[in-house]
């Protein structure tokens, strides 16, 4: 299993709108690509000086399915996010290979 982790720090003035849009629009669109079997949406518990930090972890069966998402779906979906919240967030992405699950 491969995890596609997206970490986003979002400014407080748009946080409520962003969270609603993520849950009702963006995450469902990502899941509709068929590249992922599940996701988690989490808020970091430590205090930030600016904004609030969230992580979205998408679970894929293998790296080939993740790569298909990155090649064919991610650019458009990421651009929608950027267009809507430009200048109001910072994001970074990482990829993890699950070695063992308990």
N, C-alpha and C. Protein backbone atom coordinates (compact mmCIF):
# COMPACT_ATOMS: atom_id res chain seq x y z
N UNK A 1 0.84 -1.18 0.00
CA UNK A 1 0.00 0.00 0.00
C UNK A 1 0.88 1.24 0.00
N UNK A 2 0.41 2.26 -0.70
CA UNK A 2 1.11 3.53 -0.80
C UNK A 2 0.20 4.63 -0.25
N UNK A 3 0.79 5.55 0.50
CA UNK A 3 0.04 6.68 1.04
C UNK A 3 0.51 7.95 0.35
N UNK A 4 -0.43 8.69 -0.18
CA UNK A 4 -0.18 10.01 -0.75
C UNK A 4 -0.64 11.01 0.30
N UNK A 5 0.31 11.69 0.91
CA UNK A 5 0.03 12.62 2.01
C UNK A 5 0.10 14.06 1.51
N UNK A 6 -0.96 14.81 1.77
CA UNK A 6 -1.00 16.23 1.43
C UNK A 6 -1.16 17.00 2.74
N UNK A 7 -0.19 17.87 3.04
CA UNK A 7 -0.23 18.69 4.24
C UNK A 7 -0.51 20.13 3.82
N UNK A 8 -1.53 20.73 4.43
CA UNK A 8 -1.95 22.08 4.06
C UNK A 8 -2.07 22.94 5.31
N UNK A 9 -1.42 24.10 5.29
CA UNK A 9 -1.65 25.12 6.31
C UNK A 9 -2.53 26.17 5.66
N UNK A 10 -3.71 26.38 6.25
CA UNK A 10 -4.70 27.28 5.66
C UNK A 10 -4.95 28.46 6.61
N UNK A 11 -5.06 29.65 6.04
CA UNK A 11 -5.30 30.84 6.85
C UNK A 11 -6.67 30.77 7.51
N UNK A 12 -6.74 31.31 8.73
CA UNK A 12 -7.98 31.22 9.52
C UNK A 12 -9.16 31.90 8.85
N UNK A 13 -8.93 32.96 8.11
CA UNK A 13 -10.06 33.69 7.51
C UNK A 13 -10.82 32.87 6.47
N UNK A 14 -10.19 31.85 5.89
CA UNK A 14 -10.87 31.01 4.89
C UNK A 14 -10.98 29.56 5.34
N UNK A 15 -10.56 29.28 6.56
CA UNK A 15 -10.51 27.88 7.02
C UNK A 15 -11.86 27.19 6.97
N UNK A 16 -12.91 27.83 7.45
CA UNK A 16 -14.24 27.21 7.47
C UNK A 16 -14.71 26.87 6.05
N UNK A 17 -14.56 27.82 5.13
CA UNK A 17 -14.94 27.59 3.73
C UNK A 17 -14.08 26.50 3.11
N UNK A 18 -12.77 26.55 3.37
CA UNK A 18 -11.84 25.56 2.82
C UNK A 18 -12.20 24.15 3.28
N UNK A 19 -12.43 24.01 4.58
CA UNK A 19 -12.75 22.69 5.13
C UNK A 19 -14.03 22.13 4.50
N UNK A 20 -15.05 22.97 4.38
CA UNK A 20 -16.32 22.54 3.77
C UNK A 20 -16.08 22.14 2.31
N UNK A 21 -15.34 22.96 1.56
CA UNK A 21 -15.06 22.67 0.16
C UNK A 21 -14.25 21.39 0.01
N UNK A 22 -13.28 21.20 0.88
CA UNK A 22 -12.48 19.97 0.82
C UNK A 22 -13.36 18.74 1.03
N UNK A 23 -14.22 18.77 2.04
CA UNK A 23 -15.04 17.61 2.38
C UNK A 23 -16.17 17.36 1.37
N UNK A 24 -16.72 18.43 0.81
CA UNK A 24 -17.88 18.26 -0.07
C UNK A 24 -17.53 18.22 -1.55
N UNK A 25 -16.38 18.79 -1.94
CA UNK A 25 -16.04 18.88 -3.36
C UNK A 25 -14.71 18.21 -3.67
N UNK A 26 -13.63 18.73 -3.12
CA UNK A 26 -12.30 18.30 -3.55
C UNK A 26 -12.00 16.83 -3.25
N UNK A 27 -12.16 16.43 -2.00
CA UNK A 27 -11.85 15.04 -1.65
C UNK A 27 -12.75 14.07 -2.42
N UNK A 28 -14.06 14.32 -2.53
CA UNK A 28 -14.87 13.42 -3.37
C UNK A 28 -14.39 13.35 -4.82
N UNK A 29 -13.94 14.47 -5.39
CA UNK A 29 -13.42 14.45 -6.75
C UNK A 29 -12.14 13.61 -6.84
N UNK A 30 -11.27 13.72 -5.85
CA UNK A 30 -10.05 12.90 -5.83
C UNK A 30 -10.44 11.42 -5.74
N UNK A 31 -11.37 11.10 -4.87
CA UNK A 31 -11.77 9.69 -4.70
C UNK A 31 -12.46 9.14 -5.94
N UNK A 32 -13.18 10.00 -6.67
CA UNK A 32 -13.87 9.56 -7.89
C UNK A 32 -12.90 9.16 -9.00
N UNK A 33 -11.63 9.52 -8.90
CA UNK A 33 -10.65 9.13 -9.92
C UNK A 33 -10.42 7.62 -9.91
N UNK A 34 -10.74 6.95 -8.81
CA UNK A 34 -10.52 5.52 -8.71
C UNK A 34 -9.10 5.14 -8.34
N UNK A 35 -8.27 6.12 -8.08
CA UNK A 35 -6.86 5.83 -7.77
C UNK A 35 -6.65 5.46 -6.31
N UNK A 36 -7.63 5.74 -5.46
CA UNK A 36 -7.46 5.53 -4.02
C UNK A 36 -8.63 4.72 -3.47
N UNK A 37 -8.33 3.93 -2.43
CA UNK A 37 -9.36 3.10 -1.82
C UNK A 37 -9.94 3.73 -0.56
N UNK A 38 -9.22 4.66 0.05
CA UNK A 38 -9.68 5.30 1.29
C UNK A 38 -8.87 6.56 1.52
N UNK A 39 -9.32 7.36 2.48
CA UNK A 39 -8.58 8.56 2.86
C UNK A 39 -8.82 8.86 4.34
N UNK A 40 -7.95 9.69 4.91
CA UNK A 40 -8.18 10.28 6.22
C UNK A 40 -8.00 11.78 6.09
N UNK A 41 -8.74 12.52 6.89
CA UNK A 41 -8.65 13.98 6.93
C UNK A 41 -8.40 14.33 8.39
N UNK A 42 -7.24 14.91 8.69
CA UNK A 42 -6.84 15.15 10.07
C UNK A 42 -6.37 16.58 10.27
N UNK A 43 -6.56 17.08 11.49
CA UNK A 43 -6.06 18.40 11.87
C UNK A 43 -4.92 18.20 12.86
N UNK A 44 -3.79 18.87 12.63
CA UNK A 44 -2.69 18.81 13.57
C UNK A 44 -3.10 19.49 14.86
N UNK A 45 -2.72 18.90 15.98
CA UNK A 45 -3.16 19.40 17.28
C UNK A 45 -2.30 20.52 17.84
N UNK A 46 -1.07 20.65 17.39
CA UNK A 46 -0.24 21.72 17.93
C UNK A 46 -0.64 23.07 17.34
N UNK A 47 -0.42 24.11 18.11
CA UNK A 47 -0.79 25.47 17.70
C UNK A 47 0.19 26.01 16.68
N UNK A 48 -0.33 26.67 15.67
CA UNK A 48 0.48 27.34 14.65
C UNK A 48 0.41 28.84 14.92
N UNK A 49 1.47 29.55 14.58
CA UNK A 49 1.42 31.01 14.71
C UNK A 49 0.45 31.60 13.70
N UNK A 50 0.38 30.99 12.54
CA UNK A 50 -0.53 31.46 11.50
C UNK A 50 -1.27 30.26 10.92
N UNK A 51 -2.56 30.36 10.83
CA UNK A 51 -3.35 29.33 10.18
C UNK A 51 -3.45 28.05 10.98
N UNK A 52 -4.09 27.07 10.35
CA UNK A 52 -4.27 25.75 10.93
C UNK A 52 -3.76 24.74 9.91
N UNK A 53 -3.12 23.67 10.41
CA UNK A 53 -2.55 22.68 9.52
C UNK A 53 -3.38 21.40 9.53
N UNK A 54 -3.65 20.91 8.32
CA UNK A 54 -4.40 19.67 8.11
C UNK A 54 -3.56 18.73 7.26
N UNK A 55 -3.84 17.43 7.40
CA UNK A 55 -3.26 16.45 6.49
C UNK A 55 -4.39 15.63 5.90
N UNK A 56 -4.25 15.35 4.62
CA UNK A 56 -5.15 14.44 3.95
C UNK A 56 -4.29 13.30 3.44
N UNK A 57 -4.60 12.10 3.86
CA UNK A 57 -3.84 10.93 3.43
C UNK A 57 -4.75 10.06 2.57
N UNK A 58 -4.30 9.84 1.35
CA UNK A 58 -5.03 9.00 0.40
C UNK A 58 -4.30 7.68 0.28
N UNK A 59 -5.02 6.57 0.33
CA UNK A 59 -4.44 5.23 0.32
C UNK A 59 -4.66 4.57 -1.03
N UNK A 60 -3.56 4.15 -1.64
CA UNK A 60 -3.60 3.51 -2.95
C UNK A 60 -3.01 2.11 -2.87
N UNK A 61 -3.52 1.21 -3.72
CA UNK A 61 -3.06 -0.18 -3.71
C UNK A 61 -1.58 -0.30 -4.03
N UNK A 62 -1.10 0.54 -4.97
CA UNK A 62 0.30 0.45 -5.38
C UNK A 62 0.73 1.77 -6.01
N UNK A 63 2.02 1.88 -6.27
CA UNK A 63 2.55 3.13 -6.81
C UNK A 63 2.07 3.40 -8.23
N UNK A 64 1.80 2.35 -9.01
CA UNK A 64 1.30 2.56 -10.38
C UNK A 64 -0.04 3.30 -10.38
N UNK A 65 -0.91 2.94 -9.46
CA UNK A 65 -2.21 3.63 -9.37
C UNK A 65 -2.03 5.07 -8.92
N UNK A 66 -1.11 5.29 -8.00
CA UNK A 66 -0.80 6.66 -7.57
C UNK A 66 -0.22 7.46 -8.73
N UNK A 67 0.69 6.86 -9.47
CA UNK A 67 1.30 7.56 -10.59
C UNK A 67 0.27 7.92 -11.65
N UNK A 68 -0.70 7.06 -11.86
CA UNK A 68 -1.77 7.35 -12.81
C UNK A 68 -2.54 8.59 -12.36
N UNK A 69 -2.81 8.69 -11.06
CA UNK A 69 -3.47 9.88 -10.52
C UNK A 69 -2.61 11.12 -10.74
N UNK A 70 -1.33 11.02 -10.40
CA UNK A 70 -0.43 12.17 -10.54
C UNK A 70 -0.32 12.64 -11.98
N UNK A 71 -0.31 11.71 -12.91
CA UNK A 71 -0.16 12.06 -14.33
C UNK A 71 -1.44 12.60 -14.95
N UNK A 72 -2.59 12.04 -14.57
CA UNK A 72 -3.82 12.32 -15.30
C UNK A 72 -4.87 13.15 -14.56
N UNK A 73 -4.75 13.26 -13.24
CA UNK A 73 -5.79 13.95 -12.48
C UNK A 73 -5.27 15.08 -11.60
N UNK A 74 -4.11 14.88 -10.99
CA UNK A 74 -3.60 15.84 -10.00
C UNK A 74 -3.43 17.26 -10.53
N UNK A 75 -2.87 17.46 -11.73
CA UNK A 75 -2.66 18.85 -12.16
C UNK A 75 -3.95 19.68 -12.16
N UNK A 76 -5.02 19.15 -12.69
CA UNK A 76 -6.29 19.89 -12.75
C UNK A 76 -6.88 20.11 -11.36
N UNK A 77 -6.88 19.06 -10.54
CA UNK A 77 -7.46 19.17 -9.20
C UNK A 77 -6.65 20.13 -8.33
N UNK A 78 -5.33 20.08 -8.44
CA UNK A 78 -4.50 20.99 -7.67
C UNK A 78 -4.69 22.43 -8.13
N UNK A 79 -4.87 22.62 -9.42
CA UNK A 79 -5.08 23.97 -9.95
C UNK A 79 -6.40 24.56 -9.44
N UNK A 80 -7.44 23.74 -9.36
CA UNK A 80 -8.72 24.20 -8.81
C UNK A 80 -8.53 24.70 -7.38
N UNK A 81 -7.76 23.96 -6.59
CA UNK A 81 -7.48 24.34 -5.21
C UNK A 81 -6.71 25.65 -5.17
N UNK A 82 -5.69 25.75 -5.99
CA UNK A 82 -4.87 26.96 -6.03
C UNK A 82 -5.68 28.17 -6.46
N UNK A 83 -6.50 28.01 -7.49
CA UNK A 83 -7.33 29.12 -7.97
C UNK A 83 -8.29 29.61 -6.88
N UNK A 84 -8.84 28.70 -6.13
CA UNK A 84 -9.84 29.06 -5.12
C UNK A 84 -9.21 29.70 -3.87
N UNK A 85 -8.00 29.25 -3.49
CA UNK A 85 -7.40 29.70 -2.22
C UNK A 85 -6.01 30.31 -2.40
N UNK A 86 -5.74 30.84 -3.56
CA UNK A 86 -4.43 31.41 -3.86
C UNK A 86 -4.02 32.44 -2.81
N UNK A 87 -2.79 32.29 -2.32
CA UNK A 87 -2.25 33.20 -1.32
C UNK A 87 -2.76 32.97 0.09
N UNK A 88 -3.62 31.98 0.28
CA UNK A 88 -4.22 31.71 1.59
C UNK A 88 -3.76 30.38 2.20
N UNK A 89 -2.86 29.67 1.52
CA UNK A 89 -2.43 28.37 2.00
C UNK A 89 -0.98 28.08 1.58
N UNK A 90 -0.41 27.13 2.29
CA UNK A 90 0.87 26.54 1.91
C UNK A 90 0.65 25.04 1.96
N UNK A 91 1.13 24.31 0.95
CA UNK A 91 0.93 22.87 0.91
C UNK A 91 2.21 22.16 0.48
N UNK A 92 2.37 20.95 0.97
CA UNK A 92 3.41 20.09 0.44
C UNK A 92 2.89 18.66 0.42
N UNK A 93 3.47 17.89 -0.47
CA UNK A 93 3.02 16.52 -0.69
C UNK A 93 4.17 15.55 -0.45
N UNK A 94 3.83 14.36 0.06
CA UNK A 94 4.84 13.33 0.25
C UNK A 94 4.20 11.98 -0.05
N UNK A 95 5.05 11.01 -0.32
CA UNK A 95 4.62 9.67 -0.67
C UNK A 95 5.26 8.70 0.30
N UNK A 96 4.48 7.74 0.79
CA UNK A 96 4.98 6.78 1.77
C UNK A 96 4.59 5.37 1.35
N UNK A 97 5.50 4.45 1.52
CA UNK A 97 5.25 3.04 1.30
C UNK A 97 4.99 2.38 2.65
N UNK A 98 3.82 1.75 2.81
CA UNK A 98 3.53 1.06 4.05
C UNK A 98 4.37 -0.22 4.10
N UNK A 99 5.16 -0.33 5.12
CA UNK A 99 6.02 -1.51 5.30
C UNK A 99 5.32 -2.60 6.12
N UNK A 100 4.57 -2.18 7.12
CA UNK A 100 3.86 -3.14 7.96
C UNK A 100 2.67 -2.43 8.58
N UNK A 101 1.59 -3.16 8.68
CA UNK A 101 0.38 -2.66 9.30
C UNK A 101 -0.05 -3.58 10.41
N UNK A 102 -0.40 -3.05 11.57
CA UNK A 102 -0.79 -3.89 12.70
C UNK A 102 -2.27 -3.99 12.86
